[in-house]
Amino acid sequence: MKTGKRKFWIGNAVLALAMLLLLFMGPLSDALGIWAAVLWMVLAAVGMTLVMSDKSDEPPAPD
């Protein structure tokens, strides 16, 4: 498995974790306060960075 694909799947896993955190944001914000939103933003940013990290190559030329 190439490193780019591995980063892509790890990014998707982190984004899934961010989605779960968003679903339980009510109880988490009661427990963590504003830090629940900060944690969600960090997870979403890291996930998107990992997903988009293998997009640096130029697209192939059209046929």
Protein backbone atom coordinates (compact mmCIF):
# COMPACT_ATOMS: atom_id res chain seq x y z
CA MET A 1 0.00 0.00 0.00
CA LYS A 2 1.37 3.37 -0.99
CA THR A 3 1.94 6.04 1.63
CA GLY A 4 -0.58 8.37 -0.05
CA LYS A 5 -3.33 5.78 0.18
CA ARG A 6 -2.48 5.09 3.83
CA LYS A 7 -2.71 8.82 4.64
CA PHE A 8 -6.03 8.96 2.80
CA TRP A 9 -7.55 6.15 4.86
CA ILE A 10 -6.16 7.49 8.14
CA GLY A 11 -7.66 10.87 7.22
CA ASN A 12 -11.02 9.24 6.61
CA ALA A 13 -10.82 7.52 9.99
CA VAL A 14 -10.02 10.83 11.70
CA LEU A 15 -12.94 12.48 9.90
CA ALA A 16 -15.24 9.66 11.03
CA LEU A 17 -14.06 10.27 14.59
CA ALA A 18 -14.79 13.99 14.14
CA MET A 19 -18.28 13.11 12.92
CA LEU A 20 -18.89 10.95 16.01
CA LEU A 21 -17.65 13.77 18.21
CA LEU A 22 -20.08 16.11 16.45
CA LEU A 23 -22.98 13.72 17.07
CA PHE A 24 -22.22 13.71 20.80
CA MET A 25 -21.37 17.40 21.03
CA GLY A 26 -24.07 18.14 23.62
CA PRO A 27 -22.79 15.85 26.37
CA LEU A 28 -19.18 16.56 25.43
CA SER A 29 -19.67 20.31 25.67
CA ASP A 30 -21.20 19.82 29.13
CA ALA A 31 -18.10 17.90 30.17
CA LEU A 32 -15.36 19.80 28.30
CA GLY A 33 -16.88 23.22 27.68
CA ILE A 34 -15.47 25.13 24.74
CA TRP A 35 -12.68 22.56 24.41
CA ALA A 36 -15.13 20.12 22.80
CA ALA A 37 -15.54 22.51 19.86
CA VAL A 38 -11.79 23.12 19.71
CA LEU A 39 -11.17 19.36 19.66
CA TRP A 40 -13.70 18.94 16.86
CA MET A 41 -12.05 21.69 14.78
CA VAL A 42 -8.61 20.17 15.26
CA LEU A 43 -9.83 16.68 14.28
CA ALA A 44 -11.60 18.03 11.19
CA ALA A 45 -8.52 20.02 10.11
CA VAL A 46 -6.15 17.08 10.61
CA GLY A 47 -8.51 14.73 8.77
CA MET A 48 -8.89 17.05 5.80
CA THR A 49 -5.14 17.64 5.67
CA LEU A 50 -4.48 13.91 5.56
CA VAL A 51 -7.17 13.27 2.94
CA MET A 52 -5.92 16.07 0.69
CA SER A 53 -2.19 15.39 1.18
CA ASP A 54 -1.89 13.09 -1.84
CA LYS A 55 -3.59 15.60 -4.16
CA SER A 56 -0.38 17.51 -4.90
CA ASP A 57 0.20 15.79 -8.25
CA GLU A 58 -1.06 17.47 -11.38
CA PRO A 59 -4.04 15.82 -13.05
CA PRO A 60 -3.27 13.63 -16.06
CA ALA A 61 -3.44 15.19 -19.50
CA PRO A 62 -6.70 14.56 -21.40
CA ASP A 63 -6.66 12.08 -24.23
